[in-house]
Amino acid sequence: MEGLVHEGKTFEKIVYPNKEIKSREFEECTFKLCDFSGSNFSHNRFTDCTFIGCNLAMLKLGGATLNNVVFKECKLVGVNFSECENFLFTVRFEGCFLDYASFQRKKMPKTHFISTSLKSADFSGAGLGNAVFDNTDLEGAVFNNTMLTGADFSTAYNFDIDAELNTIKNARFSQYGLQGLLTKHHLQIS
């Protein structure tokens, strides 16, 4: 990863925790089983990249561009995605751990979270129109002034969403998820 521009490369089993990798461009690259935990990826540009089985816990992404980036089975605990560039921000998460991650004020329509843990993640002020939370654990996740129009929560669980504080028009929920919309009313549903 010494060069400034990387295209079509595969980086495998790189162990580089708590390091600084800044101002580089990665296009159509794959990262497999790498450990970048605690590293600083500020001002890097990732386009059409895939991370598979990587440890990215506490990764710093200040000013980074994530354009069509897929994370599969990655550990992204505590990552602050709200520091990423807004322009072209498109991500997808499959089988990831995103506990304590922050997406505050991120515009991320149609984002897919598949079989992902989002415990205590912060979506305050985020734009998640038509996002999909498929088999996703949202225990303790914060939704405050979040745009959830058309979002799919039909297989999500452990969420607590206040319909008065968020825009949920046309969002989809299963009958089993209705309790997560009524928590503040202290109703007992059986």
N, C-alpha and C. Protein backbone atom coordinates (compact mmCIF):
# COMPACT_ATOMS: atom_id res chain seq x y z
N MET A 1 0.82 -1.19 0.00
CA MET A 1 0.00 0.00 0.00
C MET A 1 0.86 1.26 0.00
N GLU A 2 2.07 1.13 -0.51
CA GLU A 2 3.00 2.26 -0.50
C GLU A 2 2.65 3.33 -1.51
N GLY A 3 2.11 2.94 -2.68
CA GLY A 3 1.77 3.92 -3.71
C GLY A 3 0.59 4.78 -3.31
N LEU A 4 0.36 5.85 -4.09
CA LEU A 4 -0.74 6.75 -3.80
C LEU A 4 -2.03 6.30 -4.48
N VAL A 5 -1.93 5.58 -5.60
CA VAL A 5 -3.11 5.12 -6.33
C VAL A 5 -3.02 3.61 -6.52
N HIS A 6 -4.11 2.91 -6.15
CA HIS A 6 -4.16 1.45 -6.27
C HIS A 6 -5.42 1.08 -7.04
N GLU A 7 -5.28 0.30 -8.11
CA GLU A 7 -6.43 -0.11 -8.91
C GLU A 7 -6.44 -1.62 -9.06
N GLY A 8 -7.60 -2.23 -8.78
CA GLY A 8 -7.78 -3.65 -9.01
C GLY A 8 -6.88 -4.57 -8.20
N LYS A 9 -6.41 -4.12 -7.07
CA LYS A 9 -5.49 -4.92 -6.26
C LYS A 9 -6.24 -5.67 -5.16
N THR A 10 -5.65 -6.76 -4.70
CA THR A 10 -6.15 -7.49 -3.54
C THR A 10 -5.11 -7.39 -2.44
N PHE A 11 -5.57 -6.94 -1.28
CA PHE A 11 -4.71 -6.85 -0.10
C PHE A 11 -5.20 -7.91 0.87
N GLU A 12 -4.34 -8.87 1.21
CA GLU A 12 -4.78 -9.99 2.03
C GLU A 12 -3.89 -10.15 3.26
N LYS A 13 -4.57 -10.34 4.40
CA LYS A 13 -3.92 -10.61 5.69
C LYS A 13 -2.88 -9.56 6.07
N ILE A 14 -3.17 -8.32 5.76
CA ILE A 14 -2.29 -7.23 6.17
C ILE A 14 -2.63 -6.86 7.61
N VAL A 15 -1.64 -6.86 8.46
CA VAL A 15 -1.82 -6.50 9.87
C VAL A 15 -1.14 -5.14 10.05
N TYR A 16 -1.97 -4.13 10.21
CA TYR A 16 -1.48 -2.76 10.26
C TYR A 16 -2.32 -1.93 11.23
N PRO A 17 -2.42 -2.39 12.49
CA PRO A 17 -3.27 -1.64 13.45
C PRO A 17 -2.60 -0.35 13.93
N ASN A 18 -3.44 0.62 14.25
CA ASN A 18 -2.99 1.89 14.84
C ASN A 18 -1.95 2.62 13.99
N LYS A 19 -2.10 2.54 12.68
CA LYS A 19 -1.17 3.21 11.76
C LYS A 19 -1.92 4.28 10.99
N GLU A 20 -1.17 5.05 10.22
CA GLU A 20 -1.76 6.12 9.43
C GLU A 20 -1.55 5.85 7.95
N ILE A 21 -2.66 5.78 7.22
CA ILE A 21 -2.64 5.61 5.76
C ILE A 21 -3.54 6.70 5.22
N LYS A 22 -2.95 7.78 4.74
CA LYS A 22 -3.73 8.96 4.36
C LYS A 22 -3.53 9.32 2.90
N SER A 23 -4.56 9.98 2.36
CA SER A 23 -4.51 10.59 1.03
C SER A 23 -4.12 9.61 -0.07
N ARG A 24 -4.69 8.42 -0.02
CA ARG A 24 -4.47 7.42 -1.07
C ARG A 24 -5.79 7.12 -1.77
N GLU A 25 -5.70 6.60 -2.98
CA GLU A 25 -6.89 6.23 -3.74
C GLU A 25 -6.89 4.73 -3.99
N PHE A 26 -8.04 4.10 -3.73
CA PHE A 26 -8.23 2.67 -3.95
C PHE A 26 -9.45 2.50 -4.84
N GLU A 27 -9.26 1.92 -6.02
CA GLU A 27 -10.36 1.70 -6.94
C GLU A 27 -10.44 0.22 -7.30
N GLU A 28 -11.64 -0.35 -7.11
CA GLU A 28 -11.89 -1.77 -7.39
C GLU A 28 -10.87 -2.67 -6.67
N CYS A 29 -10.59 -2.33 -5.43
CA CYS A 29 -9.66 -3.14 -4.62
C CYS A 29 -10.44 -4.01 -3.64
N THR A 30 -9.83 -5.12 -3.25
CA THR A 30 -10.41 -6.04 -2.28
C THR A 30 -9.45 -6.16 -1.11
N PHE A 31 -10.01 -6.08 0.10
CA PHE A 31 -9.23 -6.23 1.32
C PHE A 31 -9.77 -7.46 2.04
N LYS A 32 -8.93 -8.49 2.22
CA LYS A 32 -9.36 -9.74 2.84
C LYS A 32 -8.58 -10.00 4.12
N LEU A 33 -9.33 -10.24 5.21
CA LEU A 33 -8.75 -10.65 6.49
C LEU A 33 -7.65 -9.72 6.97
N CYS A 34 -7.83 -8.43 6.75
CA CYS A 34 -6.84 -7.43 7.18
C CYS A 34 -7.21 -6.88 8.55
N ASP A 35 -6.21 -6.40 9.28
CA ASP A 35 -6.43 -5.76 10.58
C ASP A 35 -5.94 -4.32 10.50
N PHE A 36 -6.88 -3.39 10.39
CA PHE A 36 -6.58 -1.97 10.39
C PHE A 36 -7.19 -1.29 11.61
N SER A 37 -7.44 -2.06 12.67
CA SER A 37 -8.10 -1.52 13.86
C SER A 37 -7.33 -0.32 14.41
N GLY A 38 -8.07 0.74 14.72
CA GLY A 38 -7.47 1.93 15.30
C GLY A 38 -6.65 2.76 14.35
N SER A 39 -6.61 2.39 13.08
CA SER A 39 -5.80 3.13 12.11
C SER A 39 -6.51 4.38 11.64
N ASN A 40 -5.76 5.24 10.97
CA ASN A 40 -6.29 6.49 10.47
C ASN A 40 -6.29 6.46 8.94
N PHE A 41 -7.48 6.36 8.36
CA PHE A 41 -7.65 6.34 6.90
C PHE A 41 -8.21 7.67 6.40
N SER A 42 -7.93 8.74 7.10
CA SER A 42 -8.47 10.05 6.73
C SER A 42 -8.04 10.46 5.32
N HIS A 43 -8.98 11.06 4.61
CA HIS A 43 -8.76 11.63 3.28
C HIS A 43 -8.37 10.59 2.23
N ASN A 44 -8.64 9.31 2.48
CA ASN A 44 -8.47 8.30 1.44
C ASN A 44 -9.75 8.23 0.62
N ARG A 45 -9.63 7.73 -0.60
CA ARG A 45 -10.77 7.58 -1.49
C ARG A 45 -10.90 6.10 -1.85
N PHE A 46 -12.06 5.51 -1.51
CA PHE A 46 -12.36 4.12 -1.83
C PHE A 46 -13.53 4.09 -2.81
N THR A 47 -13.30 3.55 -4.00
CA THR A 47 -14.35 3.47 -5.02
C THR A 47 -14.48 2.02 -5.47
N ASP A 48 -15.70 1.49 -5.40
CA ASP A 48 -15.98 0.10 -5.82
C ASP A 48 -15.05 -0.90 -5.12
N CYS A 49 -14.87 -0.73 -3.82
CA CYS A 49 -13.99 -1.61 -3.04
C CYS A 49 -14.81 -2.55 -2.16
N THR A 50 -14.19 -3.68 -1.78
CA THR A 50 -14.84 -4.65 -0.90
C THR A 50 -13.88 -5.01 0.23
N PHE A 51 -14.41 -4.99 1.45
CA PHE A 51 -13.67 -5.43 2.64
C PHE A 51 -14.32 -6.72 3.12
N ILE A 52 -13.53 -7.79 3.26
CA ILE A 52 -14.06 -9.09 3.66
C ILE A 52 -13.31 -9.59 4.90
N GLY A 53 -14.04 -9.82 5.99
CA GLY A 53 -13.46 -10.39 7.20
C GLY A 53 -12.39 -9.52 7.84
N CYS A 54 -12.49 -8.21 7.69
CA CYS A 54 -11.47 -7.31 8.21
C CYS A 54 -11.83 -6.76 9.59
N ASN A 55 -10.82 -6.45 10.39
CA ASN A 55 -11.00 -5.78 11.67
C ASN A 55 -10.73 -4.30 11.44
N LEU A 56 -11.80 -3.51 11.44
CA LEU A 56 -11.70 -2.08 11.20
C LEU A 56 -12.22 -1.30 12.42
N ALA A 57 -12.21 -1.94 13.57
CA ALA A 57 -12.72 -1.31 14.79
C ALA A 57 -11.98 -0.01 15.06
N MET A 58 -12.75 1.02 15.40
CA MET A 58 -12.23 2.33 15.76
C MET A 58 -11.41 3.00 14.64
N LEU A 59 -11.65 2.59 13.41
CA LEU A 59 -10.99 3.18 12.25
C LEU A 59 -11.40 4.64 12.13
N LYS A 60 -10.46 5.51 11.81
CA LYS A 60 -10.75 6.94 11.64
C LYS A 60 -10.90 7.22 10.15
N LEU A 61 -12.00 7.89 9.78
CA LEU A 61 -12.31 8.12 8.37
C LEU A 61 -12.56 9.59 8.06
N GLY A 62 -11.92 10.49 8.77
CA GLY A 62 -12.14 11.92 8.55
C GLY A 62 -11.86 12.32 7.11
N GLY A 63 -12.88 12.84 6.43
CA GLY A 63 -12.71 13.30 5.06
C GLY A 63 -12.53 12.20 4.03
N ALA A 64 -12.73 10.95 4.42
CA ALA A 64 -12.57 9.83 3.47
C ALA A 64 -13.80 9.75 2.56
N THR A 65 -13.60 9.26 1.35
CA THR A 65 -14.68 9.04 0.41
C THR A 65 -14.95 7.54 0.32
N LEU A 66 -16.20 7.14 0.59
CA LEU A 66 -16.62 5.75 0.46
C LEU A 66 -17.70 5.71 -0.62
N ASN A 67 -17.31 5.35 -1.82
CA ASN A 67 -18.22 5.33 -2.96
C ASN A 67 -18.40 3.88 -3.43
N ASN A 68 -19.59 3.34 -3.16
CA ASN A 68 -19.91 1.96 -3.53
C ASN A 68 -18.94 0.98 -2.85
N VAL A 69 -18.87 1.06 -1.53
CA VAL A 69 -17.99 0.19 -0.75
C VAL A 69 -18.83 -0.85 -0.01
N VAL A 70 -18.42 -2.11 -0.11
CA VAL A 70 -19.12 -3.22 0.52
C VAL A 70 -18.26 -3.77 1.65
N PHE A 71 -18.89 -3.95 2.80
CA PHE A 71 -18.23 -4.55 3.96
C PHE A 71 -18.92 -5.88 4.25
N LYS A 72 -18.16 -6.99 4.21
CA LYS A 72 -18.73 -8.31 4.49
C LYS A 72 -17.99 -8.93 5.67
N GLU A 73 -18.78 -9.30 6.69
CA GLU A 73 -18.25 -9.97 7.87
C GLU A 73 -17.08 -9.21 8.50
N CYS A 74 -17.22 -7.90 8.56
CA CYS A 74 -16.18 -7.04 9.13
C CYS A 74 -16.57 -6.54 10.52
N LYS A 75 -15.56 -6.22 11.30
CA LYS A 75 -15.75 -5.62 12.62
C LYS A 75 -15.50 -4.12 12.46
N LEU A 76 -16.56 -3.32 12.63
CA LEU A 76 -16.49 -1.87 12.46
C LEU A 76 -16.98 -1.16 13.72
N VAL A 77 -16.71 -1.74 14.85
CA VAL A 77 -17.17 -1.21 16.14
C VAL A 77 -16.58 0.18 16.37
N GLY A 78 -17.46 1.14 16.69
CA GLY A 78 -17.02 2.48 17.06
C GLY A 78 -16.57 3.36 15.91
N VAL A 79 -16.83 2.97 14.67
CA VAL A 79 -16.41 3.78 13.53
C VAL A 79 -17.38 4.95 13.34
N ASN A 80 -16.84 6.14 13.14
CA ASN A 80 -17.65 7.33 12.96
C ASN A 80 -17.77 7.66 11.47
N PHE A 81 -18.79 7.08 10.82
CA PHE A 81 -18.99 7.31 9.40
C PHE A 81 -19.46 8.72 9.10
N SER A 82 -19.92 9.44 10.10
CA SER A 82 -20.39 10.80 9.87
C SER A 82 -19.23 11.73 9.49
N GLU A 83 -18.00 11.31 9.71
CA GLU A 83 -16.83 12.11 9.33
C GLU A 83 -16.45 11.94 7.86
N CYS A 84 -17.07 10.96 7.18
CA CYS A 84 -16.76 10.72 5.77
C CYS A 84 -17.35 11.84 4.90
N GLU A 85 -16.79 11.98 3.73
CA GLU A 85 -17.34 12.92 2.75
C GLU A 85 -18.77 12.52 2.42
N ASN A 86 -19.64 13.48 2.28
CA ASN A 86 -21.02 13.19 1.94
C ASN A 86 -21.18 12.86 0.46
N PHE A 87 -20.41 13.50 -0.39
CA PHE A 87 -20.53 13.31 -1.83
C PHE A 87 -20.22 11.87 -2.21
N LEU A 88 -21.13 11.22 -2.90
CA LEU A 88 -21.00 9.84 -3.38
C LEU A 88 -20.95 8.79 -2.27
N PHE A 89 -21.33 9.14 -1.05
CA PHE A 89 -21.28 8.17 0.06
C PHE A 89 -22.29 7.06 -0.17
N THR A 90 -21.81 5.86 -0.52
CA THR A 90 -22.67 4.69 -0.69
C THR A 90 -21.94 3.47 -0.13
N VAL A 91 -22.59 2.81 0.83
CA VAL A 91 -22.00 1.65 1.50
C VAL A 91 -23.05 0.55 1.62
N ARG A 92 -22.56 -0.66 1.86
CA ARG A 92 -23.42 -1.83 2.09
C ARG A 92 -22.72 -2.68 3.14
N PHE A 93 -23.52 -3.21 4.08
CA PHE A 93 -22.96 -4.02 5.17
C PHE A 93 -23.63 -5.38 5.21
N GLU A 94 -22.84 -6.44 5.23
CA GLU A 94 -23.37 -7.80 5.28
C GLU A 94 -22.63 -8.58 6.37
N GLY A 95 -23.37 -9.02 7.39
CA GLY A 95 -22.78 -9.82 8.46
C GLY A 95 -21.73 -9.09 9.27
N CYS A 96 -21.90 -7.79 9.44
CA CYS A 96 -20.90 -6.97 10.13
C CYS A 96 -21.29 -6.65 11.57
N PHE A 97 -20.30 -6.24 12.36
CA PHE A 97 -20.51 -5.72 13.70
C PHE A 97 -20.25 -4.22 13.65
N LEU A 98 -21.33 -3.44 13.74
CA LEU A 98 -21.25 -1.99 13.68
C LEU A 98 -21.70 -1.36 15.00
N ASP A 99 -21.54 -2.09 16.08
CA ASP A 99 -21.94 -1.59 17.39
C ASP A 99 -21.20 -0.28 17.68
N TYR A 100 -21.94 0.68 18.23
CA TYR A 100 -21.42 2.00 18.61
C TYR A 100 -20.92 2.83 17.42
N ALA A 101 -21.27 2.45 16.21
CA ALA A 101 -20.90 3.25 15.03
C ALA A 101 -21.80 4.49 14.97
N SER A 102 -21.32 5.52 14.29
CA SER A 102 -22.11 6.74 14.15
C SER A 102 -22.33 7.07 12.67
N PHE A 103 -23.60 7.34 12.37
CA PHE A 103 -24.01 7.76 11.04
C PHE A 103 -24.75 9.09 11.13
N GLN A 104 -24.42 9.89 12.11
CA GLN A 104 -25.13 11.15 12.33
C GLN A 104 -25.13 12.02 11.08
N ARG A 105 -26.34 12.46 10.70
CA ARG A 105 -26.55 13.38 9.59
C ARG A 105 -26.06 12.85 8.24
N LYS A 106 -25.82 11.55 8.09
CA LYS A 106 -25.38 11.00 6.80
C LYS A 106 -26.59 10.80 5.90
N LYS A 107 -26.46 11.17 4.66
CA LYS A 107 -27.47 10.89 3.64
C LYS A 107 -27.09 9.54 3.04
N MET A 108 -27.90 8.52 3.31
CA MET A 108 -27.58 7.17 2.85
C MET A 108 -28.82 6.42 2.41
N PRO A 109 -29.51 6.96 1.40
CA PRO A 109 -30.71 6.28 0.92
C PRO A 109 -30.39 4.92 0.33
N LYS A 110 -31.30 4.00 0.50
CA LYS A 110 -31.21 2.65 -0.06
C LYS A 110 -30.04 1.83 0.48
N THR A 111 -29.46 2.23 1.59
CA THR A 111 -28.36 1.46 2.18
C THR A 111 -28.90 0.15 2.72
N HIS A 112 -28.15 -0.92 2.52
CA HIS A 112 -28.52 -2.25 3.01
C HIS A 112 -27.65 -2.64 4.21
N PHE A 113 -28.32 -3.02 5.27
CA PHE A 113 -27.69 -3.60 6.46
C PHE A 113 -28.25 -5.01 6.55
N ILE A 114 -27.45 -6.01 6.23
CA ILE A 114 -27.93 -7.39 6.16
C ILE A 114 -27.24 -8.22 7.25
N SER A 115 -28.05 -8.86 8.10
CA SER A 115 -27.53 -9.71 9.19
C SER A 115 -26.40 -9.01 9.93
N THR A 116 -26.68 -7.79 10.33
CA THR A 116 -25.67 -6.92 10.93
C THR A 116 -26.07 -6.52 12.34
N SER A 117 -25.08 -6.35 13.21
CA SER A 117 -25.31 -5.86 14.56
C SER A 117 -25.04 -4.37 14.59
N LEU A 118 -26.07 -3.60 14.95
CA LEU A 118 -25.98 -2.14 15.04
C LEU A 118 -26.33 -1.67 16.46
N LYS A 119 -25.89 -2.43 17.44
CA LYS A 119 -26.21 -2.09 18.83
C LYS A 119 -25.61 -0.73 19.19
N SER A 120 -26.46 0.13 19.73
CA SER A 120 -26.07 1.48 20.17
C SER A 120 -25.48 2.34 19.05
N ALA A 121 -25.79 2.02 17.81
CA ALA A 121 -25.37 2.88 16.69
C ALA A 121 -26.20 4.15 16.71
N ASP A 122 -25.65 5.25 16.19
CA ASP A 122 -26.33 6.53 16.22
C ASP A 122 -26.70 6.97 14.80
N PHE A 123 -28.01 7.05 14.53
CA PHE A 123 -28.53 7.48 13.25
C PHE A 123 -29.22 8.84 13.35
N SER A 124 -28.88 9.63 14.35
CA SER A 124 -29.52 10.93 14.55
C SER A 124 -29.34 11.82 13.32
N GLY A 125 -30.46 12.33 12.82
CA GLY A 125 -30.42 13.25 11.69
C GLY A 125 -30.06 12.62 10.36
N ALA A 126 -29.93 11.31 10.30
CA ALA A 126 -29.53 10.63 9.06
C ALA A 126 -30.69 10.52 8.08
N GLY A 127 -30.36 10.42 6.81
CA GLY A 127 -31.35 10.21 5.76
C GLY A 127 -31.28 8.78 5.28
N LEU A 128 -32.22 7.94 5.72
CA LEU A 128 -32.20 6.51 5.42
C LEU A 128 -33.43 6.09 4.62
N GLY A 129 -33.86 6.94 3.72
CA GLY A 129 -35.02 6.60 2.90
C GLY A 129 -34.79 5.32 2.11
N ASN A 130 -35.75 4.41 2.18
CA ASN A 130 -35.70 3.12 1.49
C ASN A 130 -34.52 2.24 1.89
N ALA A 131 -33.93 2.50 3.05
CA ALA A 131 -32.86 1.63 3.54
C ALA A 131 -33.46 0.29 3.95
N VAL A 132 -32.64 -0.75 3.97
CA VAL A 132 -33.09 -2.08 4.34
C VAL A 132 -32.30 -2.55 5.56
N PHE A 133 -33.03 -2.91 6.62
CA PHE A 133 -32.44 -3.46 7.84
C PHE A 133 -32.89 -4.92 7.91
N ASP A 134 -32.22 -5.79 7.19
CA ASP A 134 -32.61 -7.19 7.06
C ASP A 134 -31.93 -8.03 8.14
N ASN A 135 -32.74 -8.63 9.02
CA ASN A 135 -32.21 -9.47 10.09
C ASN A 135 -31.12 -8.74 10.88
N THR A 136 -31.42 -7.50 11.23
CA THR A 136 -30.44 -6.63 11.87
C THR A 136 -30.83 -6.32 13.31
N ASP A 137 -29.85 -6.39 14.22
CA ASP A 137 -30.06 -6.12 15.64
C ASP A 137 -29.82 -4.64 15.90
N LEU A 138 -30.87 -3.92 16.29
CA LEU A 138 -30.81 -2.48 16.53
C LEU A 138 -30.97 -2.13 18.01
N GLU A 139 -30.56 -3.03 18.89
CA GLU A 139 -30.69 -2.78 20.33
C GLU A 139 -29.93 -1.53 20.73
N GLY A 140 -30.64 -0.57 21.29
CA GLY A 140 -30.02 0.66 21.77
C GLY A 140 -29.66 1.65 20.68
N ALA A 141 -29.96 1.34 19.42
CA ALA A 141 -29.66 2.27 18.32
C ALA A 141 -30.49 3.53 18.49
N VAL A 142 -29.90 4.66 18.15
CA VAL A 142 -30.55 5.96 18.33
C VAL A 142 -31.10 6.46 16.99
N PHE A 143 -32.41 6.67 16.96
CA PHE A 143 -33.09 7.28 15.83
C PHE A 143 -33.73 8.55 16.35
N ASN A 144 -33.21 9.69 15.97
CA ASN A 144 -33.73 10.98 16.43
C ASN A 144 -33.67 11.95 15.25
N ASN A 145 -34.85 12.40 14.82
CA ASN A 145 -34.93 13.26 13.64
C ASN A 145 -34.33 12.56 12.42
N THR A 146 -34.59 11.27 12.33
CA THR A 146 -34.07 10.44 11.25
C THR A 146 -35.14 10.27 10.18
N MET A 147 -34.74 10.40 8.92
CA MET A 147 -35.66 10.21 7.80
C MET A 147 -35.64 8.74 7.41
N LEU A 148 -36.76 8.04 7.70
CA LEU A 148 -36.87 6.60 7.47
C LEU A 148 -37.98 6.27 6.47
N THR A 149 -38.34 7.22 5.63
CA THR A 149 -39.41 7.01 4.66
C THR A 149 -39.11 5.79 3.78
N GLY A 150 -40.02 4.85 3.78
CA GLY A 150 -39.88 3.66 2.94
C GLY A 150 -38.85 2.65 3.42
N ALA A 151 -38.25 2.87 4.57
CA ALA A 151 -37.25 1.92 5.09
C ALA A 151 -37.91 0.59 5.45
N ASP A 152 -37.16 -0.48 5.33
CA ASP A 152 -37.69 -1.82 5.59
C ASP A 152 -37.11 -2.37 6.89
N PHE A 153 -37.97 -2.44 7.91
CA PHE A 153 -37.60 -2.99 9.21
C PHE A 153 -38.32 -4.32 9.45
N SER A 154 -38.86 -4.93 8.41
CA SER A 154 -39.73 -6.09 8.59
C SER A 154 -39.03 -7.29 9.25
N THR A 155 -37.71 -7.41 9.13
CA THR A 155 -37.01 -8.50 9.82
C THR A 155 -36.00 -7.97 10.84
N ALA A 156 -35.98 -6.66 11.07
CA ALA A 156 -35.10 -6.08 12.09
C ALA A 156 -35.68 -6.36 13.47
N TYR A 157 -34.84 -6.29 14.49
CA TYR A 157 -35.33 -6.55 15.84
C TYR A 157 -34.58 -5.70 16.87
N ASN A 158 -35.19 -5.61 18.05
CA ASN A 158 -34.68 -4.85 19.20
C ASN A 158 -34.60 -3.35 18.96
N PHE A 159 -35.36 -2.82 18.02
CA PHE A 159 -35.32 -1.38 17.78
C PHE A 159 -36.35 -0.66 18.64
N ASP A 160 -36.09 0.62 18.85
CA ASP A 160 -37.00 1.51 19.57
C ASP A 160 -37.04 2.81 18.78
N ILE A 161 -38.09 3.00 18.00
CA ILE A 161 -38.20 4.16 17.13
C ILE A 161 -39.44 4.96 17.52
N ASP A 162 -39.25 6.21 17.86
CA ASP A 162 -40.36 7.08 18.21
C ASP A 162 -40.91 7.71 16.93
N ALA A 163 -42.13 7.33 16.58
CA ALA A 163 -42.75 7.82 15.34
C ALA A 163 -42.98 9.33 15.37
N GLU A 164 -42.99 9.93 16.54
CA GLU A 164 -43.20 11.37 16.63
C GLU A 164 -41.90 12.16 16.42
N LEU A 165 -40.76 11.50 16.59
CA LEU A 165 -39.47 12.18 16.44
C LEU A 165 -38.76 11.85 15.14
N ASN A 166 -39.34 10.93 14.35
CA ASN A 166 -38.72 10.48 13.12
C ASN A 166 -39.76 10.43 12.00
N THR A 167 -39.31 10.51 10.78
CA THR A 167 -40.21 10.41 9.62
C THR A 167 -40.23 8.95 9.18
N ILE A 168 -41.38 8.27 9.38
CA ILE A 168 -41.45 6.84 9.07
C ILE A 168 -42.52 6.51 8.03
N LYS A 169 -42.95 7.50 7.28
CA LYS A 169 -43.99 7.28 6.28
C LYS A 169 -43.58 6.15 5.32
N ASN A 170 -44.50 5.23 5.10
CA ASN A 170 -44.31 4.08 4.19
C ASN A 170 -43.19 3.13 4.61
N ALA A 171 -42.67 3.26 5.82
CA ALA A 171 -41.69 2.30 6.32
C ALA A 171 -42.40 0.97 6.57
N ARG A 172 -41.68 -0.12 6.45
CA ARG A 172 -42.28 -1.45 6.61
C ARG A 172 -41.80 -2.09 7.91
N PHE A 173 -42.77 -2.62 8.66
CA PHE A 173 -42.51 -3.30 9.92
C PHE A 173 -43.34 -4.58 9.93
N SER A 174 -42.83 -5.61 10.61
CA SER A 174 -43.64 -6.81 10.79
C SER A 174 -44.53 -6.60 12.01
N GLN A 175 -45.54 -7.44 12.16
CA GLN A 175 -46.41 -7.32 13.33
C GLN A 175 -45.61 -7.55 14.61
N TYR A 176 -44.52 -8.31 14.53
CA TYR A 176 -43.69 -8.58 15.71
C TYR A 176 -42.82 -7.37 16.07
N GLY A 177 -42.61 -6.48 15.11
CA GLY A 177 -41.79 -5.31 15.36
C GLY A 177 -42.57 -4.10 15.85
N LEU A 178 -43.88 -4.21 15.89
CA LEU A 178 -44.68 -3.06 16.31
C LEU A 178 -44.35 -2.58 17.71
N GLN A 179 -43.95 -3.48 18.57
CA GLN A 179 -43.60 -3.10 19.94
C GLN A 179 -42.49 -2.05 19.94
N GLY A 180 -41.55 -2.15 19.00
CA GLY A 180 -40.46 -1.19 18.91
C GLY A 180 -40.91 0.22 18.54
N LEU A 181 -42.13 0.35 18.06
CA LEU A 181 -42.68 1.66 17.74
C LEU A 181 -43.51 2.23 18.88
N LEU A 182 -43.82 1.39 19.85
CA LEU A 182 -44.72 1.79 20.93
C LEU A 182 -44.06 1.83 22.30
N THR A 183 -42.77 1.64 22.36
CA THR A 183 -42.06 1.55 23.65
C THR A 183 -42.34 2.74 24.56
N LYS A 184 -42.32 3.92 24.00
CA LYS A 184 -42.48 5.12 24.85
C LYS A 184 -43.85 5.20 25.50
N HIS A 185 -44.82 4.47 24.97
CA HIS A 185 -46.17 4.49 25.53
C HIS A 185 -46.36 3.47 26.64
N HIS A 186 -45.35 2.65 26.90
CA HIS A 186 -45.38 1.64 27.97
C HIS A 186 -46.58 0.72 27.86
N LEU A 187 -46.88 0.31 26.63
CA LEU A 187 -47.98 -0.62 26.40
C LEU A 187 -47.49 -2.05 26.52
N GLN A 188 -48.34 -2.93 26.94
CA GLN A 188 -48.00 -4.35 26.98
C GLN A 188 -48.71 -5.02 25.83
N ILE A 189 -47.93 -5.57 24.92
CA ILE A 189 -48.49 -6.20 23.73
C ILE A 189 -48.26 -7.70 23.84
N SER A 190 -49.33 -8.47 23.60
CA SER A 190 -49.16 -9.92 23.67
C SER A 190 -49.61 -10.57 22.38
